[in-house]
Amino acid sequence: MRVRSIGVFITTTLLFVSILRGADTLPASITDPSYWKMISDFSEPGGTFAFEMFMSNEVTFQEILPDLLKRVSPGGVYLGVAPEQNFTYIAALKPKIAFIIDIRRENMIEHLMYKAMFELSPSRSDFVSRLFGRPMPAGSDTLLSIDRMFSSLASSRADSRLLTQNLTEIKNVLQKTHGFTLTAADGRTIDTILNGFYRGGPDAHLTTWTVTGPDLRTLANALRGRPDA
């Protein structure tokens, strides 16, 4: 079985390893060179696959959280796979460090894109505005519910200048601020993913698999369990 391309997503967040905890030897932070060395050393070269999945195709992945929260203590190590559903588990379980592993290098690049966008976005509404390349309507409350936030962006016109600006800023954060040595192919992957969200908007389906999963608006509402979250 192939070793997966690995995206090391450092936040404050774990899943199963907390039961092994002894003395806390996890670092308070990881330097950019060490972070990139882990990604480079742990990963195999990228491959070619029959389909890509740049967002989850599972609408029920959050249903195990009540049971997990009873079993897992904060402050451990999270091990996950695939795209954005990891952020739900990380936010809920509050590990100290998180590793997201996937067979596709493209998913590792997507998580680096998210890392840059989190750093660039002071609020969740600013984050989704960047993700879809659509400005939030003037006067919008940064604390809008998820449903109202997505509805506002769905009615907002996609802005190609905002898309171009976001792509430039994301790559600058990764390459200039953090010093990560992305390849030209990695840069094109970021272009492909962000253009997919730009074209699809809040109702994007970003999978090239034969089975189309739920759109991002549905997934976002499901994360909190109610449309007015």
Protein backbone atom coordinates (compact mmCIF):
# COMPACT_ATOMS: atom_id res chain seq x y z
CA MET A 1 0.00 0.00 0.00
CA ARG A 2 1.36 3.43 -0.94
CA VAL A 3 2.47 5.88 1.69
CA ARG A 4 0.22 8.89 1.38
CA SER A 5 1.16 12.43 0.59
CA ILE A 6 0.92 14.09 3.95
CA GLY A 7 -0.28 17.54 4.89
CA VAL A 8 0.76 18.49 8.39
CA PHE A 9 -1.90 20.89 9.61
CA ILE A 10 -0.70 22.59 12.79
CA THR A 11 -3.46 24.13 14.86
CA THR A 12 -4.61 23.58 18.37
CA THR A 13 -6.17 20.10 17.95
CA LEU A 14 -6.69 14.80 18.14
CA LEU A 15 -8.60 11.82 17.70
CA PHE A 16 -7.32 8.51 19.04
CA VAL A 17 -3.81 8.95 20.41
CA SER A 18 -4.86 10.70 23.63
CA ILE A 19 -5.18 7.30 25.35
CA LEU A 20 -1.40 6.87 25.00
CA ARG A 21 -0.55 10.17 26.64
CA GLY A 22 2.28 10.26 29.16
CA ALA A 23 4.52 13.26 29.61
CA ASP A 24 3.59 16.03 27.19
CA THR A 25 6.46 16.19 24.70
CA LEU A 26 4.56 17.97 21.93
CA PRO A 27 6.16 21.26 20.93
CA ALA A 28 4.33 24.52 21.52
CA SER A 29 4.98 25.40 17.87
CA ILE A 30 6.84 24.11 14.82
CA THR A 31 9.11 26.31 12.73
CA ASP A 32 8.40 26.80 9.05
CA PRO A 33 11.54 24.86 7.95
CA SER A 34 10.66 21.93 10.23
CA TYR A 35 7.05 21.99 9.06
CA TRP A 36 8.07 21.87 5.40
CA LYS A 37 10.70 19.19 6.08
CA MET A 38 8.05 16.92 7.55
CA ILE A 39 5.82 17.41 4.52
CA SER A 40 8.73 16.80 2.13
CA ASP A 41 10.26 13.83 3.97
CA PHE A 42 7.00 12.03 4.76
CA SER A 43 5.49 12.34 1.28
CA GLU A 44 5.93 10.29 -1.87
CA PRO A 45 5.75 11.91 -5.30
CA GLY A 46 2.23 12.70 -6.44
CA GLY A 47 0.33 10.20 -8.57
CA THR A 48 -2.51 10.10 -11.07
CA PHE A 49 -5.98 9.06 -9.93
CA ALA A 50 -9.28 8.28 -11.58
CA PHE A 51 -11.03 11.06 -9.66
CA GLU A 52 -10.32 13.95 -7.31
CA MET A 53 -12.26 15.02 -4.24
CA PHE A 54 -11.61 18.58 -3.13
CA MET A 55 -14.50 18.59 -0.67
CA SER A 56 -16.29 15.96 1.40
CA ASN A 57 -18.95 13.74 -0.16
CA GLU A 58 -20.32 12.68 3.26
CA VAL A 59 -23.07 14.69 4.92
CA THR A 60 -23.17 12.62 8.14
CA PHE A 61 -19.53 12.69 9.22
CA GLN A 62 -20.33 15.01 12.14
CA GLU A 63 -22.79 12.56 13.71
CA ILE A 64 -20.06 10.66 15.59
CA LEU A 65 -18.94 13.80 17.44
CA PRO A 66 -21.09 13.36 20.59
CA ASP A 67 -19.57 9.93 21.18
CA LEU A 68 -16.04 11.12 20.34
CA LEU A 69 -16.32 14.01 22.77
CA LYS A 70 -17.10 11.52 25.55
CA ARG A 71 -14.04 9.42 24.72
CA VAL A 72 -11.35 11.90 23.68
CA SER A 73 -9.75 14.53 25.89
CA PRO A 74 -8.43 17.81 24.45
CA GLY A 75 -4.72 18.38 23.98
CA GLY A 76 -3.70 15.22 22.15
CA VAL A 77 -2.81 14.45 18.53
CA TYR A 78 -5.33 14.29 15.69
CA LEU A 79 -4.86 11.96 12.71
CA GLY A 80 -7.22 12.53 9.80
CA VAL A 81 -7.72 11.99 6.08
CA ALA A 82 -9.32 13.81 3.15
CA PRO A 83 -10.51 17.45 2.83
CA GLU A 84 -12.45 19.94 4.93
CA GLN A 85 -14.35 17.61 7.29
CA ASN A 86 -11.14 17.39 9.32
CA PHE A 87 -11.65 20.97 10.48
CA THR A 88 -14.93 19.95 12.14
CA TYR A 89 -13.22 17.20 14.14
CA ILE A 90 -10.25 19.42 14.97
CA ALA A 91 -12.42 22.29 16.21
CA ALA A 92 -14.55 19.95 18.34
CA LEU A 93 -11.80 17.72 19.77
CA LYS A 94 -9.18 20.44 20.35
CA PRO A 95 -5.98 18.46 19.87
CA LYS A 96 -2.63 20.18 20.34
CA ILE A 97 -1.33 19.10 16.94
CA ALA A 98 -3.00 17.59 13.86
CA PHE A 99 -1.77 15.51 10.92
CA ILE A 100 -3.96 15.17 7.81
CA ILE A 101 -2.88 12.34 5.51
CA ASP A 102 -4.12 11.54 2.01
CA ILE A 103 -2.97 9.49 -0.97
CA ARG A 104 -3.39 12.54 -3.22
CA ARG A 105 -0.79 15.29 -3.17
CA GLU A 106 -3.54 17.58 -4.42
CA ASN A 107 -5.32 17.29 -1.07
CA MET A 108 -2.12 18.24 0.75
CA ILE A 109 -1.87 21.33 -1.45
CA GLU A 110 -5.52 22.10 -0.74
CA HIS A 111 -4.84 22.04 3.00
CA LEU A 112 -1.91 24.40 2.51
CA MET A 113 -4.28 26.68 0.59
CA TYR A 114 -6.67 26.56 3.55
CA LYS A 115 -3.80 27.28 5.95
CA ALA A 116 -2.96 30.46 4.04
CA MET A 117 -6.62 31.51 3.84
CA PHE A 118 -7.11 31.03 7.58
CA GLU A 119 -4.14 33.30 8.20
CA LEU A 120 -5.46 35.91 5.77
CA SER A 121 -9.06 35.92 7.05
CA PRO A 122 -9.99 37.81 10.24
CA SER A 123 -13.52 36.29 10.29
CA ARG A 124 -15.39 33.31 8.90
CA SER A 125 -17.38 35.53 6.53
CA ASP A 126 -14.10 36.91 5.15
CA PHE A 127 -12.85 33.34 4.73
CA VAL A 128 -15.82 32.16 2.65
CA SER A 129 -15.75 35.41 0.69
CA ARG A 130 -12.17 34.59 -0.28
CA LEU A 131 -13.01 30.95 -0.94
CA PHE A 132 -15.74 31.78 -3.45
CA GLY A 133 -14.21 34.97 -4.87
CA ARG A 134 -17.39 36.89 -4.03
CA PRO A 135 -17.54 40.04 -1.89
CA MET A 136 -19.84 40.03 1.12
CA PRO A 137 -22.65 42.58 0.59
CA ALA A 138 -21.92 45.96 2.14
CA GLY A 139 -23.00 46.23 5.75
CA SER A 140 -23.06 42.46 6.35
CA ASP A 141 -22.57 41.39 9.95
CA THR A 142 -19.40 39.31 10.42
CA LEU A 143 -21.40 37.13 12.84
CA LEU A 144 -24.07 36.15 10.32
CA SER A 145 -25.45 32.61 10.67
CA ILE A 146 -23.99 30.05 8.30
CA ASP A 147 -27.19 29.84 6.26
CA ARG A 148 -27.55 33.62 5.89
CA MET A 149 -23.85 34.00 5.12
CA PHE A 150 -24.03 31.45 2.29
CA SER A 151 -27.26 32.96 0.98
CA SER A 152 -25.66 36.42 0.90
CA LEU A 153 -22.68 35.10 -1.05
CA ALA A 154 -24.91 33.13 -3.43
CA SER A 155 -26.57 36.39 -4.45
CA SER A 156 -23.24 38.22 -4.74
CA ARG A 157 -21.59 38.40 -8.16
CA ALA A 158 -18.35 36.42 -8.56
CA ASP A 159 -15.43 38.86 -8.94
CA SER A 160 -12.50 37.73 -11.12
CA ARG A 161 -10.31 40.48 -9.66
CA LEU A 162 -10.96 39.16 -6.15
CA LEU A 163 -10.09 35.65 -7.34
CA THR A 164 -6.79 36.85 -8.82
CA GLN A 165 -5.98 38.81 -5.67
CA ASN A 166 -6.73 35.80 -3.47
CA LEU A 167 -4.55 33.48 -5.54
CA THR A 168 -1.65 35.94 -5.33
CA GLU A 169 -2.04 36.42 -1.58
CA ILE A 170 -2.32 32.68 -0.88
CA LYS A 171 0.86 31.90 -2.80
CA ASN A 172 2.68 34.83 -1.19
CA VAL A 173 1.79 33.58 2.30
CA LEU A 174 2.97 30.06 1.51
CA GLN A 175 6.10 30.90 -0.48
CA LYS A 176 7.24 34.30 0.78
CA THR A 177 5.97 34.42 4.35
CA HIS A 178 6.57 30.77 5.24
CA GLY A 179 9.24 29.92 2.66
CA PHE A 180 7.57 26.72 1.40
CA THR A 181 9.08 25.54 -1.89
CA LEU A 182 5.98 24.80 -3.93
CA THR A 183 6.50 23.44 -7.42
CA ALA A 184 4.94 24.95 -10.52
CA ALA A 185 2.48 22.02 -10.51
CA ASP A 186 1.56 22.82 -6.90
CA GLY A 187 0.78 26.39 -7.94
CA ARG A 188 -1.45 25.14 -10.75
CA THR A 189 -3.24 22.85 -8.29
CA ILE A 190 -4.07 25.86 -6.08
CA ASP A 191 -5.35 27.64 -9.20
CA THR A 192 -7.54 24.65 -10.11
CA ILE A 193 -9.03 24.24 -6.62
CA LEU A 194 -9.77 27.90 -5.96
CA ASN A 195 -11.19 28.34 -9.48
CA GLY A 196 -13.51 25.41 -8.74
CA PHE A 197 -14.87 27.12 -5.63
CA TYR A 198 -15.07 30.40 -7.57
CA ARG A 199 -17.14 28.85 -10.37
CA GLY A 200 -19.35 26.77 -8.08
CA GLY A 201 -19.94 29.34 -5.37
CA PRO A 202 -21.71 28.31 -2.15
CA ASP A 203 -23.40 25.44 -3.99
CA ALA A 204 -20.15 23.98 -5.32
CA HIS A 205 -19.71 20.23 -5.85
CA LEU A 206 -15.95 19.71 -6.08
CA THR A 207 -15.52 16.06 -6.98
CA THR A 208 -14.70 14.39 -10.28
CA TRP A 209 -16.03 11.06 -8.99
CA THR A 210 -19.08 9.46 -10.59
CA VAL A 211 -21.03 9.93 -7.36
CA THR A 212 -21.64 13.62 -6.64
CA GLY A 213 -21.69 14.48 -2.96
CA PRO A 214 -23.59 17.27 -1.19
CA ASP A 215 -22.85 20.87 -2.01
CA LEU A 216 -20.74 22.97 0.34
CA ARG A 217 -23.72 24.96 1.65
CA THR A 218 -25.38 21.69 2.78
CA LEU A 219 -22.17 20.48 4.41
CA ALA A 220 -21.63 23.76 6.23
CA ASN A 221 -25.15 23.71 7.68
CA ALA A 222 -24.83 20.05 8.65
CA LEU A 223 -21.66 20.79 10.63
CA ARG A 224 -23.60 22.75 13.19
CA GLY A 225 -26.73 20.63 12.90
CA ARG A 226 -29.12 23.48 12.14
CA PRO A 227 -29.43 26.10 9.37
CA ASP A 228 -29.42 29.10 11.75
CA ALA A 229 -26.10 28.22 13.43
